[in-house]
Amino acid sequence: MPLIKVQSSVATPDKTQVENLLSSLSTKLAKHLGKPESYVMTAFEADVPMTFGGTTDPVCFVEIKSIGTMQPEQTKAMSADFCEQIESELGVAKNRIYLEFADAERHLWGWNGGTF
């Protein structure tokens, strides 16, 4: 059930760029967490009114959720990897990206009419 959701103030990229970004994030998240990609969900929202440090310069907020416990070495590696990709593909400086990592308990995440 891993999820990675990117919200950004940048203008909406073209459909192919968004699809490539989501596909790449999906593959990377599965690899970082050691989970099947068949359970990974990705989402991207552009043109979100946002500020960071009191300015409206390009900014991103990234949510990463997974059942289980993400270890410090995993979150550090994901932060480096995803910030690099977002800076490269969306033009948002790494120092204007916040990432939130959240562990979910199985009974608090539903899927297919039940919970994990």
N, C-alpha and C. Protein backbone atom coordinates (compact mmCIF):
# COMPACT_ATOMS: atom_id res chain seq x y z
N MET A 1 0.79 -1.21 0.00
CA MET A 1 0.00 0.00 0.00
C MET A 1 0.82 1.26 0.00
N PRO A 2 2.08 1.18 -0.31
CA PRO A 2 2.83 2.44 -0.31
C PRO A 2 2.17 3.50 -1.19
N LEU A 3 2.24 4.73 -0.72
CA LEU A 3 1.70 5.87 -1.45
C LEU A 3 2.74 6.97 -1.48
N ILE A 4 2.89 7.58 -2.64
CA ILE A 4 3.69 8.81 -2.75
C ILE A 4 2.82 9.83 -3.48
N LYS A 5 2.62 10.95 -2.81
CA LYS A 5 1.78 12.03 -3.36
C LYS A 5 2.60 13.31 -3.39
N VAL A 6 2.69 13.91 -4.57
CA VAL A 6 3.45 15.14 -4.76
C VAL A 6 2.48 16.27 -5.04
N GLN A 7 2.56 17.32 -4.23
CA GLN A 7 1.80 18.54 -4.47
C GLN A 7 2.82 19.64 -4.75
N SER A 8 2.55 20.43 -5.78
CA SER A 8 3.50 21.48 -6.14
C SER A 8 2.80 22.72 -6.65
N SER A 9 3.50 23.82 -6.51
CA SER A 9 2.99 25.09 -7.03
C SER A 9 3.33 25.28 -8.50
N VAL A 10 4.13 24.38 -9.07
CA VAL A 10 4.52 24.54 -10.47
C VAL A 10 3.32 24.35 -11.39
N ALA A 11 3.41 24.95 -12.57
CA ALA A 11 2.36 24.78 -13.57
C ALA A 11 2.31 23.32 -14.01
N THR A 12 1.13 22.86 -14.38
CA THR A 12 0.95 21.48 -14.76
C THR A 12 1.82 21.13 -15.97
N PRO A 13 2.73 20.14 -15.79
CA PRO A 13 3.53 19.69 -16.94
C PRO A 13 2.64 18.96 -17.94
N ASP A 14 3.19 18.67 -19.12
CA ASP A 14 2.37 17.93 -20.08
C ASP A 14 2.12 16.51 -19.57
N LYS A 15 1.10 15.88 -20.12
CA LYS A 15 0.62 14.58 -19.65
C LYS A 15 1.73 13.53 -19.66
N THR A 16 2.54 13.49 -20.69
CA THR A 16 3.61 12.50 -20.78
C THR A 16 4.62 12.69 -19.67
N GLN A 17 4.99 13.94 -19.38
CA GLN A 17 5.95 14.21 -18.31
C GLN A 17 5.39 13.76 -16.96
N VAL A 18 4.12 14.02 -16.71
CA VAL A 18 3.50 13.62 -15.45
C VAL A 18 3.47 12.09 -15.35
N GLU A 19 3.06 11.43 -16.43
CA GLU A 19 3.01 9.96 -16.41
C GLU A 19 4.39 9.36 -16.19
N ASN A 20 5.42 9.92 -16.82
CA ASN A 20 6.79 9.43 -16.62
C ASN A 20 7.26 9.65 -15.18
N LEU A 21 6.95 10.81 -14.62
CA LEU A 21 7.31 11.11 -13.23
C LEU A 21 6.65 10.11 -12.29
N LEU A 22 5.33 9.89 -12.46
CA LEU A 22 4.61 8.98 -11.58
C LEU A 22 5.11 7.55 -11.71
N SER A 23 5.39 7.13 -12.92
CA SER A 23 5.91 5.78 -13.15
C SER A 23 7.27 5.59 -12.46
N SER A 24 8.13 6.57 -12.61
CA SER A 24 9.45 6.51 -12.00
C SER A 24 9.35 6.51 -10.47
N LEU A 25 8.52 7.38 -9.92
CA LEU A 25 8.34 7.43 -8.48
C LEU A 25 7.80 6.11 -7.94
N SER A 26 6.89 5.49 -8.67
CA SER A 26 6.31 4.21 -8.28
C SER A 26 7.38 3.13 -8.19
N THR A 27 8.19 3.04 -9.22
CA THR A 27 9.26 2.04 -9.26
C THR A 27 10.26 2.27 -8.13
N LYS A 28 10.65 3.53 -7.95
CA LYS A 28 11.64 3.85 -6.91
C LYS A 28 11.10 3.59 -5.51
N LEU A 29 9.83 3.94 -5.26
CA LEU A 29 9.26 3.74 -3.94
C LEU A 29 9.20 2.25 -3.60
N ALA A 30 8.78 1.44 -4.55
CA ALA A 30 8.74 -0.01 -4.33
C ALA A 30 10.13 -0.54 -3.99
N LYS A 31 11.12 -0.08 -4.72
CA LYS A 31 12.49 -0.54 -4.49
C LYS A 31 13.00 -0.10 -3.13
N HIS A 32 12.78 1.17 -2.78
CA HIS A 32 13.25 1.68 -1.48
C HIS A 32 12.63 0.90 -0.32
N LEU A 33 11.36 0.53 -0.46
CA LEU A 33 10.65 -0.12 0.63
C LEU A 33 10.71 -1.64 0.56
N GLY A 34 11.17 -2.17 -0.56
CA GLY A 34 11.21 -3.62 -0.72
C GLY A 34 9.83 -4.24 -0.80
N LYS A 35 8.90 -3.52 -1.42
CA LYS A 35 7.52 -3.99 -1.54
C LYS A 35 7.16 -4.11 -3.01
N PRO A 36 6.17 -4.97 -3.34
CA PRO A 36 5.77 -5.12 -4.74
C PRO A 36 5.20 -3.81 -5.30
N GLU A 37 5.62 -3.46 -6.49
CA GLU A 37 5.10 -2.24 -7.11
C GLU A 37 3.61 -2.35 -7.40
N SER A 38 3.10 -3.55 -7.47
CA SER A 38 1.67 -3.74 -7.75
C SER A 38 0.78 -3.12 -6.66
N TYR A 39 1.33 -2.80 -5.50
CA TYR A 39 0.57 -2.17 -4.43
C TYR A 39 0.85 -0.67 -4.30
N VAL A 40 1.77 -0.13 -5.07
CA VAL A 40 2.16 1.28 -4.95
C VAL A 40 1.16 2.18 -5.67
N MET A 41 0.78 3.27 -5.00
CA MET A 41 -0.07 4.30 -5.61
C MET A 41 0.72 5.59 -5.66
N THR A 42 0.59 6.32 -6.77
CA THR A 42 1.24 7.62 -6.92
C THR A 42 0.19 8.67 -7.26
N ALA A 43 0.45 9.90 -6.88
CA ALA A 43 -0.46 11.00 -7.22
C ALA A 43 0.37 12.26 -7.39
N PHE A 44 -0.12 13.14 -8.27
CA PHE A 44 0.56 14.41 -8.52
C PHE A 44 -0.47 15.51 -8.69
N GLU A 45 -0.30 16.59 -7.95
CA GLU A 45 -1.14 17.77 -8.08
C GLU A 45 -0.25 18.96 -8.38
N ALA A 46 -0.55 19.65 -9.45
CA ALA A 46 0.19 20.86 -9.83
C ALA A 46 -0.71 22.08 -9.62
N ASP A 47 -0.11 23.25 -9.76
CA ASP A 47 -0.84 24.51 -9.63
C ASP A 47 -1.51 24.68 -8.27
N VAL A 48 -0.91 24.09 -7.24
CA VAL A 48 -1.46 24.22 -5.89
C VAL A 48 -0.93 25.52 -5.29
N PRO A 49 -1.81 26.42 -4.85
CA PRO A 49 -1.32 27.65 -4.22
C PRO A 49 -0.55 27.29 -2.94
N MET A 50 0.74 27.64 -2.91
CA MET A 50 1.59 27.28 -1.79
C MET A 50 2.62 28.38 -1.55
N THR A 51 3.09 28.45 -0.32
CA THR A 51 4.24 29.30 0.00
C THR A 51 5.23 28.47 0.79
N PHE A 52 6.47 28.93 0.80
CA PHE A 52 7.53 28.34 1.62
C PHE A 52 8.47 29.48 1.96
N GLY A 53 8.74 29.66 3.23
CA GLY A 53 9.60 30.76 3.64
C GLY A 53 9.03 32.12 3.29
N GLY A 54 7.71 32.18 3.19
CA GLY A 54 7.05 33.45 2.91
C GLY A 54 7.03 33.87 1.46
N THR A 55 7.51 32.98 0.54
CA THR A 55 7.49 33.33 -0.88
C THR A 55 6.68 32.31 -1.67
N THR A 56 6.29 32.70 -2.86
CA THR A 56 5.56 31.80 -3.75
C THR A 56 6.45 31.21 -4.83
N ASP A 57 7.77 31.27 -4.63
CA ASP A 57 8.68 30.59 -5.57
C ASP A 57 8.29 29.11 -5.62
N PRO A 58 8.65 28.40 -6.70
CA PRO A 58 8.25 27.00 -6.83
C PRO A 58 8.57 26.18 -5.57
N VAL A 59 7.60 25.35 -5.17
CA VAL A 59 7.68 24.57 -3.94
C VAL A 59 6.96 23.24 -4.12
N CYS A 60 7.36 22.23 -3.35
CA CYS A 60 6.70 20.92 -3.37
C CYS A 60 6.54 20.39 -1.96
N PHE A 61 5.46 19.65 -1.76
CA PHE A 61 5.24 18.88 -0.55
C PHE A 61 5.00 17.45 -1.00
N VAL A 62 5.74 16.51 -0.41
CA VAL A 62 5.66 15.10 -0.81
C VAL A 62 5.27 14.27 0.40
N GLU A 63 4.19 13.51 0.26
CA GLU A 63 3.75 12.58 1.30
C GLU A 63 4.15 11.17 0.89
N ILE A 64 4.76 10.45 1.81
CA ILE A 64 5.13 9.07 1.57
C ILE A 64 4.58 8.26 2.74
N LYS A 65 3.68 7.31 2.43
CA LYS A 65 3.05 6.49 3.45
C LYS A 65 3.25 5.03 3.12
N SER A 66 3.39 4.22 4.17
CA SER A 66 3.57 2.79 3.97
C SER A 66 3.16 2.05 5.23
N ILE A 67 2.66 0.84 5.05
CA ILE A 67 2.38 -0.02 6.18
C ILE A 67 3.70 -0.59 6.66
N GLY A 68 3.89 -0.55 7.96
CA GLY A 68 5.14 -1.03 8.53
C GLY A 68 5.97 0.14 9.02
N THR A 69 7.22 -0.14 9.29
CA THR A 69 8.11 0.88 9.83
C THR A 69 9.19 1.23 8.84
N MET A 70 9.25 2.49 8.46
CA MET A 70 10.33 2.96 7.61
C MET A 70 11.51 3.31 8.51
N GLN A 71 12.65 2.78 8.19
CA GLN A 71 13.85 2.98 8.98
C GLN A 71 14.54 4.29 8.58
N PRO A 72 15.32 4.89 9.50
CA PRO A 72 15.99 6.15 9.21
C PRO A 72 16.85 6.11 7.94
N GLU A 73 17.53 5.02 7.69
CA GLU A 73 18.35 4.94 6.47
C GLU A 73 17.49 4.93 5.22
N GLN A 74 16.29 4.34 5.32
CA GLN A 74 15.37 4.35 4.17
C GLN A 74 14.84 5.75 3.90
N THR A 75 14.40 6.45 4.94
CA THR A 75 13.84 7.79 4.73
C THR A 75 14.91 8.76 4.24
N LYS A 76 16.13 8.61 4.73
CA LYS A 76 17.22 9.47 4.27
C LYS A 76 17.50 9.23 2.79
N ALA A 77 17.54 7.96 2.39
CA ALA A 77 17.79 7.62 0.98
C ALA A 77 16.65 8.10 0.08
N MET A 78 15.41 7.93 0.56
CA MET A 78 14.27 8.38 -0.24
C MET A 78 14.27 9.90 -0.37
N SER A 79 14.57 10.60 0.71
CA SER A 79 14.61 12.06 0.65
C SER A 79 15.61 12.52 -0.41
N ALA A 80 16.80 11.95 -0.40
CA ALA A 80 17.82 12.33 -1.38
C ALA A 80 17.36 12.01 -2.80
N ASP A 81 16.84 10.81 -3.00
CA ASP A 81 16.43 10.34 -4.32
C ASP A 81 15.27 11.17 -4.88
N PHE A 82 14.22 11.31 -4.09
CA PHE A 82 13.03 12.01 -4.58
C PHE A 82 13.27 13.51 -4.74
N CYS A 83 14.04 14.13 -3.85
CA CYS A 83 14.35 15.56 -4.01
C CYS A 83 15.16 15.79 -5.29
N GLU A 84 16.11 14.92 -5.55
CA GLU A 84 16.92 15.04 -6.77
C GLU A 84 16.04 14.94 -8.01
N GLN A 85 15.13 13.98 -8.03
CA GLN A 85 14.26 13.80 -9.18
C GLN A 85 13.31 14.98 -9.37
N ILE A 86 12.72 15.45 -8.29
CA ILE A 86 11.78 16.57 -8.39
C ILE A 86 12.50 17.84 -8.84
N GLU A 87 13.69 18.07 -8.31
CA GLU A 87 14.46 19.24 -8.75
C GLU A 87 14.77 19.14 -10.24
N SER A 88 15.19 17.96 -10.68
CA SER A 88 15.56 17.75 -12.07
C SER A 88 14.37 17.86 -13.02
N GLU A 89 13.27 17.25 -12.65
CA GLU A 89 12.12 17.17 -13.56
C GLU A 89 11.13 18.32 -13.45
N LEU A 90 11.00 18.90 -12.27
CA LEU A 90 10.02 19.98 -12.09
C LEU A 90 10.66 21.34 -11.86
N GLY A 91 11.96 21.37 -11.62
CA GLY A 91 12.65 22.64 -11.42
C GLY A 91 12.44 23.25 -10.05
N VAL A 92 12.05 22.44 -9.08
CA VAL A 92 11.88 22.93 -7.70
C VAL A 92 13.17 22.65 -6.95
N ALA A 93 13.77 23.68 -6.39
CA ALA A 93 15.02 23.52 -5.65
C ALA A 93 14.82 22.57 -4.47
N LYS A 94 15.83 21.75 -4.20
CA LYS A 94 15.75 20.78 -3.10
C LYS A 94 15.42 21.44 -1.77
N ASN A 95 15.91 22.66 -1.57
CA ASN A 95 15.67 23.33 -0.29
C ASN A 95 14.28 23.96 -0.21
N ARG A 96 13.44 23.68 -1.22
CA ARG A 96 12.05 24.13 -1.21
C ARG A 96 11.10 22.94 -1.31
N ILE A 97 11.59 21.78 -0.88
CA ILE A 97 10.79 20.55 -0.89
C ILE A 97 10.75 20.00 0.53
N TYR A 98 9.54 19.79 1.03
CA TYR A 98 9.35 19.08 2.29
C TYR A 98 8.81 17.69 1.96
N LEU A 99 9.30 16.70 2.69
CA LEU A 99 8.81 15.33 2.57
C LEU A 99 8.29 14.89 3.92
N GLU A 100 7.14 14.26 3.94
CA GLU A 100 6.57 13.70 5.16
C GLU A 100 6.51 12.19 5.01
N PHE A 101 7.14 11.49 5.92
CA PHE A 101 7.12 10.03 5.93
C PHE A 101 6.18 9.59 7.05
N ALA A 102 5.24 8.70 6.72
CA ALA A 102 4.28 8.25 7.73
C ALA A 102 4.11 6.74 7.63
N ASP A 103 4.29 6.08 8.77
CA ASP A 103 4.03 4.65 8.88
C ASP A 103 2.55 4.47 9.21
N ALA A 104 1.92 3.52 8.54
CA ALA A 104 0.50 3.24 8.79
C ALA A 104 0.36 1.86 9.42
N GLU A 105 -0.56 1.75 10.36
CA GLU A 105 -0.88 0.45 10.91
C GLU A 105 -1.83 -0.25 9.95
N ARG A 106 -1.70 -1.56 9.84
CA ARG A 106 -2.49 -2.34 8.88
C ARG A 106 -4.00 -2.09 9.00
N HIS A 107 -4.49 -2.01 10.20
CA HIS A 107 -5.94 -1.85 10.38
C HIS A 107 -6.43 -0.44 10.06
N LEU A 108 -5.50 0.48 9.82
CA LEU A 108 -5.88 1.86 9.49
C LEU A 108 -5.76 2.16 8.00
N TRP A 109 -5.56 1.13 7.19
CA TRP A 109 -5.45 1.34 5.75
C TRP A 109 -6.35 0.33 5.06
N GLY A 110 -7.34 0.82 4.32
CA GLY A 110 -8.28 -0.06 3.65
C GLY A 110 -7.96 -0.28 2.19
N TRP A 111 -8.41 -1.42 1.70
CA TRP A 111 -8.22 -1.77 0.28
C TRP A 111 -9.14 -2.94 -0.06
N ASN A 112 -9.73 -2.90 -1.21
CA ASN A 112 -10.49 -4.02 -1.75
C ASN A 112 -11.61 -4.48 -0.80
N GLY A 113 -12.23 -3.54 -0.13
CA GLY A 113 -13.36 -3.84 0.76
C GLY A 113 -12.96 -4.29 2.14
N GLY A 114 -11.69 -4.26 2.44
CA GLY A 114 -11.22 -4.67 3.76
C GLY A 114 -10.07 -3.79 4.21
N THR A 115 -9.28 -4.29 5.13
CA THR A 115 -8.08 -3.59 5.55
C THR A 115 -6.89 -4.55 5.39
N PHE A 116 -5.71 -4.00 5.50
CA PHE A 116 -4.53 -4.83 5.38
C PHE A 116 -4.25 -5.57 6.67
